[in-house]
Amino acid sequence: MATRLLIAIYIVSQLVFTVAAQANEVSPWGVAEKSDFKYKPQKVLYDLTTGNEKDLINILDRVSLLYKLYDSDLFDSSIVIIIHGDAIPFFSIAHSANLELMKRAHALTVDAPIEFRMCQAAAKAMGYKPRDIHGFVKMVPMADAEIVKLQQEGYAYMQ
């Protein structure tokens, strides 16, 4: 019985050594270490200009994850998404193909310090009026001016 146990231990150790040796051939630096720490809630602005649906989904994912990493702090965190450029049509009421995406964007604003603000000048240049845009979006006179104002208020800029 003891001999079988020693043989089993030897075989397992050889398998572990072989796997480790193969890993070192592929990644001689080893593997990444996970870091667990808390992020202090911050004020963040996202500059949203993409007309690509996958990019918009990525931004919504990032905003959602960031808010979760801030422990859903209602008081010390604030996330503002500035919408201009090719992103404007996504938020148009007439653009019903994106309804599920807009439901998701709206859900981020419910009971959370997350806001969507749209450049009224750019929307107007594209033929949109405030009545053409979903109601969870706040219209601001100009995206660039809003971005500068928010940065002066201490918001970190993200693209």
C-alpha atoms as a PDB file:
ATOM      1  CA  MET A   1       0.000   0.000   0.000  1.00  0.00           C
ATOM      2  CA  ALA A   2       2.817   2.405   0.898  1.00  0.00           C
ATOM      3  CA  THR A   3       4.571   1.607  -2.379  1.00  0.00           C
ATOM      4  CA  ARG A   4       1.436   2.438  -4.381  1.00  0.00           C
ATOM      5  CA  LEU A   5       1.061   5.712  -2.481  1.00  0.00           C
ATOM      6  CA  LEU A   6       4.684   6.643  -3.220  1.00  0.00           C
ATOM      7  CA  ILE A   7       4.227   5.764  -6.896  1.00  0.00           C
ATOM      8  CA  ALA A   8       1.035   7.873  -7.069  1.00  0.00           C
ATOM      9  CA  ILE A   9       2.815  10.820  -5.410  1.00  0.00           C
ATOM     10  CA  TYR A  10       5.718  10.450  -7.844  1.00  0.00           C
ATOM     11  CA  ILE A  11       3.390  10.371 -10.891  1.00  0.00           C
ATOM     12  CA  VAL A  12       1.441  13.433  -9.705  1.00  0.00           C
ATOM     13  CA  SER A  13       4.661  15.355  -8.993  1.00  0.00           C
ATOM     14  CA  GLN A  14       5.961  14.512 -12.480  1.00  0.00           C
ATOM     15  CA  LEU A  15       2.695  15.738 -14.043  1.00  0.00           C
ATOM     16  CA  VAL A  16       2.899  18.989 -12.074  1.00  0.00           C
ATOM     17  CA  PHE A  17       6.549  19.426 -13.070  1.00  0.00           C
ATOM     18  CA  THR A  18       5.734  18.740 -16.743  1.00  0.00           C
ATOM     19  CA  VAL A  19       2.849  21.256 -16.761  1.00  0.00           C
ATOM     20  CA  ALA A  20       5.058  23.856 -15.033  1.00  0.00           C
ATOM     21  CA  ALA A  21       7.875  23.245 -17.528  1.00  0.00           C
ATOM     22  CA  GLN A  22       5.475  23.626 -20.470  1.00  0.00           C
ATOM     23  CA  ALA A  23       4.095  26.849 -18.978  1.00  0.00           C
ATOM     24  CA  ASN A  24       7.627  28.200 -18.633  1.00  0.00           C
ATOM     25  CA  GLU A  25       8.284  27.468 -22.313  1.00  0.00           C
ATOM     26  CA  VAL A  26       5.192  29.439 -23.327  1.00  0.00           C
ATOM     27  CA  SER A  27       5.469  32.079 -20.603  1.00  0.00           C
ATOM     28  CA  PRO A  28       8.930  32.199 -19.040  1.00  0.00           C
ATOM     29  CA  TRP A  29       7.730  35.082 -16.838  1.00  0.00           C
ATOM     30  CA  GLY A  30       5.094  32.983 -15.119  1.00  0.00           C
ATOM     31  CA  VAL A  31       1.495  34.140 -14.894  1.00  0.00           C
ATOM     32  CA  ALA A  32      -0.084  37.378 -13.725  1.00  0.00           C
ATOM     33  CA  GLU A  33      -0.977  37.897 -10.099  1.00  0.00           C
ATOM     34  CA  LYS A  34      -4.428  39.114  -9.127  1.00  0.00           C
ATOM     35  CA  SER A  35      -4.583  42.335  -7.125  1.00  0.00           C
ATOM     36  CA  ASP A  36      -7.544  42.887  -4.852  1.00  0.00           C
ATOM     37  CA  PHE A  37      -8.043  46.404  -3.600  1.00  0.00           C
ATOM     38  CA  LYS A  38     -10.817  48.953  -3.312  1.00  0.00           C
ATOM     39  CA  TYR A  39     -11.079  52.005  -5.524  1.00  0.00           C
ATOM     40  CA  LYS A  40     -12.093  55.259  -3.901  1.00  0.00           C
ATOM     41  CA  PRO A  41     -15.240  56.693  -5.554  1.00  0.00           C
ATOM     42  CA  GLN A  42     -14.356  59.431  -8.036  1.00  0.00           C
ATOM     43  CA  LYS A  43     -15.892  61.842 -10.507  1.00  0.00           C
ATOM     44  CA  VAL A  44     -15.458  60.499 -14.045  1.00  0.00           C
ATOM     45  CA  LEU A  45     -16.569  61.679 -17.475  1.00  0.00           C
ATOM     46  CA  TYR A  46     -16.712  59.518 -20.570  1.00  0.00           C
ATOM     47  CA  ASP A  47     -16.425  61.187 -23.977  1.00  0.00           C
ATOM     48  CA  LEU A  48     -18.795  59.172 -26.181  1.00  0.00           C
ATOM     49  CA  THR A  49     -18.544  59.818 -29.929  1.00  0.00           C
ATOM     50  CA  THR A  50     -18.692  56.352 -31.486  1.00  0.00           C
ATOM     51  CA  GLY A  51     -21.244  55.313 -34.052  1.00  0.00           C
ATOM     52  CA  ASN A  52     -20.268  51.674 -33.535  1.00  0.00           C
ATOM     53  CA  GLU A  53     -22.754  49.645 -31.476  1.00  0.00           C
ATOM     54  CA  LYS A  54     -20.063  47.342 -30.049  1.00  0.00           C
ATOM     55  CA  ASP A  55     -18.076  50.367 -28.853  1.00  0.00           C
ATOM     56  CA  LEU A  56     -21.184  51.795 -27.181  1.00  0.00           C
ATOM     57  CA  ILE A  57     -21.853  48.465 -25.469  1.00  0.00           C
ATOM     58  CA  ASN A  58     -18.225  48.468 -24.288  1.00  0.00           C
ATOM     59  CA  ILE A  59     -18.633  51.960 -22.785  1.00  0.00           C
ATOM     60  CA  LEU A  60     -21.850  50.936 -21.006  1.00  0.00           C
ATOM     61  CA  ASP A  61     -20.046  47.856 -19.643  1.00  0.00           C
ATOM     62  CA  ARG A  62     -17.149  50.000 -18.409  1.00  0.00           C
ATOM     63  CA  VAL A  63     -19.471  52.533 -16.751  1.00  0.00           C
ATOM     64  CA  SER A  64     -21.397  49.753 -15.037  1.00  0.00           C
ATOM     65  CA  LEU A  65     -18.240  48.017 -13.803  1.00  0.00           C
ATOM     66  CA  LEU A  66     -16.704  51.274 -12.593  1.00  0.00           C
ATOM     67  CA  TYR A  67     -19.812  52.081 -10.573  1.00  0.00           C
ATOM     68  CA  LYS A  68     -19.733  48.590  -9.038  1.00  0.00           C
ATOM     69  CA  LEU A  69     -16.031  49.008  -8.199  1.00  0.00           C
ATOM     70  CA  TYR A  70     -17.023  52.216  -6.415  1.00  0.00           C
ATOM     71  CA  ASP A  71     -19.368  50.068  -4.281  1.00  0.00           C
ATOM     72  CA  SER A  72     -22.358  51.802  -5.881  1.00  0.00           C
ATOM     73  CA  ASP A  73     -21.552  54.898  -3.815  1.00  0.00           C
ATOM     74  CA  LEU A  74     -24.347  57.429  -4.311  1.00  0.00           C
ATOM     75  CA  PHE A  75     -22.587  60.272  -2.511  1.00  0.00           C
ATOM     76  CA  ASP A  76     -18.921  60.366  -3.523  1.00  0.00           C
ATOM     77  CA  SER A  77     -19.058  58.994  -7.061  1.00  0.00           C
ATOM     78  CA  SER A  78     -20.363  60.673 -10.178  1.00  0.00           C
ATOM     79  CA  ILE A  79     -20.157  59.380 -13.744  1.00  0.00           C
ATOM     80  CA  VAL A  80     -21.165  61.567 -16.680  1.00  0.00           C
ATOM     81  CA  ILE A  81     -21.273  60.331 -20.266  1.00  0.00           C
ATOM     82  CA  ILE A  82     -21.008  63.167 -22.799  1.00  0.00           C
ATOM     83  CA  ILE A  83     -22.699  62.199 -26.078  1.00  0.00           C
ATOM     84  CA  HIS A  84     -21.727  63.887 -29.334  1.00  0.00           C
ATOM     85  CA  GLY A  85     -20.609  63.064 -32.846  1.00  0.00           C
ATOM     86  CA  ASP A  86     -21.672  59.751 -34.336  1.00  0.00           C
ATOM     87  CA  ALA A  87     -23.083  58.509 -30.989  1.00  0.00           C
ATOM     88  CA  ILE A  88     -26.060  60.905 -31.151  1.00  0.00           C
ATOM     89  CA  PRO A  89     -28.341  58.754 -33.378  1.00  0.00           C
ATOM     90  CA  PHE A  90     -28.228  55.881 -30.853  1.00  0.00           C
ATOM     91  CA  PHE A  91     -30.145  58.076 -28.394  1.00  0.00           C
ATOM     92  CA  SER A  92     -32.781  59.188 -30.913  1.00  0.00           C
ATOM     93  CA  ILE A  93     -36.334  58.074 -30.166  1.00  0.00           C
ATOM     94  CA  ALA A  94     -36.840  57.367 -33.885  1.00  0.00           C
ATOM     95  CA  HIS A  95     -33.873  54.964 -33.884  1.00  0.00           C
ATOM     96  CA  SER A  96     -36.000  52.130 -32.456  1.00  0.00           C
ATOM     97  CA  ALA A  97     -33.540  49.421 -33.519  1.00  0.00           C
ATOM     98  CA  ASN A  98     -31.503  50.351 -30.438  1.00  0.00           C
ATOM     99  CA  LEU A  99     -34.353  50.129 -27.927  1.00  0.00           C
ATOM    100  CA  GLU A 100     -32.757  47.341 -25.867  1.00  0.00           C
ATOM    101  CA  LEU A 101     -29.476  49.254 -25.778  1.00  0.00           C
ATOM    102  CA  MET A 102     -31.317  52.382 -24.649  1.00  0.00           C
ATOM    103  CA  LYS A 103     -33.132  50.413 -21.934  1.00  0.00           C
ATOM    104  CA  ARG A 104     -29.724  49.356 -20.666  1.00  0.00           C
ATOM    105  CA  ALA A 105     -28.356  52.920 -20.793  1.00  0.00           C
ATOM    106  CA  HIS A 106     -31.441  54.216 -18.969  1.00  0.00           C
ATOM    107  CA  ALA A 107     -31.105  51.519 -16.297  1.00  0.00           C
ATOM    108  CA  LEU A 108     -27.648  52.870 -15.444  1.00  0.00           C
ATOM    109  CA  THR A 109     -29.229  56.200 -14.483  1.00  0.00           C
ATOM    110  CA  VAL A 110     -31.870  54.789 -12.137  1.00  0.00           C
ATOM    111  CA  ASP A 111     -30.908  55.287  -8.481  1.00  0.00           C
ATOM    112  CA  ALA A 112     -27.288  55.951  -9.469  1.00  0.00           C
ATOM    113  CA  PRO A 113     -25.109  59.023  -9.930  1.00  0.00           C
ATOM    114  CA  ILE A 114     -24.737  58.271 -13.644  1.00  0.00           C
ATOM    115  CA  GLU A 115     -25.871  60.838 -16.217  1.00  0.00           C
ATOM    116  CA  PHE A 116     -26.020  61.038 -19.988  1.00  0.00           C
ATOM    117  CA  ARG A 117     -25.551  64.531 -21.437  1.00  0.00           C
ATOM    118  CA  MET A 118     -25.821  65.294 -25.152  1.00  0.00           C
ATOM    119  CA  CYS A 119     -24.326  68.126 -27.171  1.00  0.00           C
ATOM    120  CA  GLN A 120     -27.307  70.161 -28.336  1.00  0.00           C
ATOM    121  CA  ALA A 121     -25.244  71.948 -31.016  1.00  0.00           C
ATOM    122  CA  ALA A 122     -24.130  68.667 -32.603  1.00  0.00           C
ATOM    123  CA  ALA A 123     -27.615  67.167 -32.319  1.00  0.00           C
ATOM    124  CA  LYS A 124     -29.108  70.243 -33.988  1.00  0.00           C
ATOM    125  CA  ALA A 125     -26.529  70.029 -36.799  1.00  0.00           C
ATOM    126  CA  MET A 126     -27.727  66.430 -37.387  1.00  0.00           C
ATOM    127  CA  GLY A 127     -31.358  67.518 -37.438  1.00  0.00           C
ATOM    128  CA  TYR A 128     -32.298  66.422 -33.905  1.00  0.00           C
ATOM    129  CA  LYS A 129     -34.278  68.526 -31.449  1.00  0.00           C
ATOM    130  CA  PRO A 130     -34.517  67.789 -27.711  1.00  0.00           C
ATOM    131  CA  ARG A 131     -37.956  66.205 -28.292  1.00  0.00           C
ATOM    132  CA  ASP A 132     -36.259  63.651 -30.603  1.00  0.00           C
ATOM    133  CA  ILE A 133     -33.961  62.320 -27.856  1.00  0.00           C
ATOM    134  CA  HIS A 134     -34.790  59.865 -25.051  1.00  0.00           C
ATOM    135  CA  GLY A 135     -35.858  61.562 -21.822  1.00  0.00           C
ATOM    136  CA  PHE A 136     -33.069  60.193 -19.632  1.00  0.00           C
ATOM    137  CA  VAL A 137     -30.584  62.295 -21.639  1.00  0.00           C
ATOM    138  CA  LYS A 138     -29.924  65.887 -20.599  1.00  0.00           C
ATOM    139  CA  MET A 139     -29.180  68.356 -23.394  1.00  0.00           C
ATOM    140  CA  VAL A 140     -26.203  70.695 -22.857  1.00  0.00           C
ATOM    141  CA  PRO A 141     -25.271  73.583 -25.158  1.00  0.00           C
ATOM    142  CA  MET A 142     -21.922  72.180 -26.343  1.00  0.00           C
ATOM    143  CA  ALA A 143     -20.034  68.940 -25.616  1.00  0.00           C
ATOM    144  CA  ASP A 144     -16.577  70.525 -25.668  1.00  0.00           C
ATOM    145  CA  ALA A 145     -17.576  73.250 -23.214  1.00  0.00           C
ATOM    146  CA  GLU A 146     -19.244  70.647 -20.954  1.00  0.00           C
ATOM    147  CA  ILE A 147     -16.122  68.453 -20.989  1.00  0.00           C
ATOM    148  CA  VAL A 148     -13.919  71.426 -20.059  1.00  0.00           C
ATOM    149  CA  LYS A 149     -16.338  72.469 -17.286  1.00  0.00           C
ATOM    150  CA  LEU A 150     -16.424  68.961 -15.823  1.00  0.00           C
ATOM    151  CA  GLN A 151     -12.645  68.673 -15.915  1.00  0.00           C
ATOM    152  CA  GLN A 152     -12.398  71.989 -14.062  1.00  0.00           C
ATOM    153  CA  GLU A 153     -14.767  70.488 -11.480  1.00  0.00           C
ATOM    154  CA  GLY A 154     -12.338  67.603 -10.961  1.00  0.00           C
ATOM    155  CA  TYR A 155     -13.758  64.959 -13.289  1.00  0.00           C
ATOM    156  CA  ALA A 156     -11.283  62.485 -14.768  1.00  0.00           C
ATOM    157  CA  TYR A 157     -11.500  62.255 -18.569  1.00  0.00           C
ATOM    158  CA  MET A 158     -12.057  58.860 -20.210  1.00  0.00           C
ATOM    159  CA  GLN A 159     -12.568  57.936 -23.861  1.00  0.00           C
END
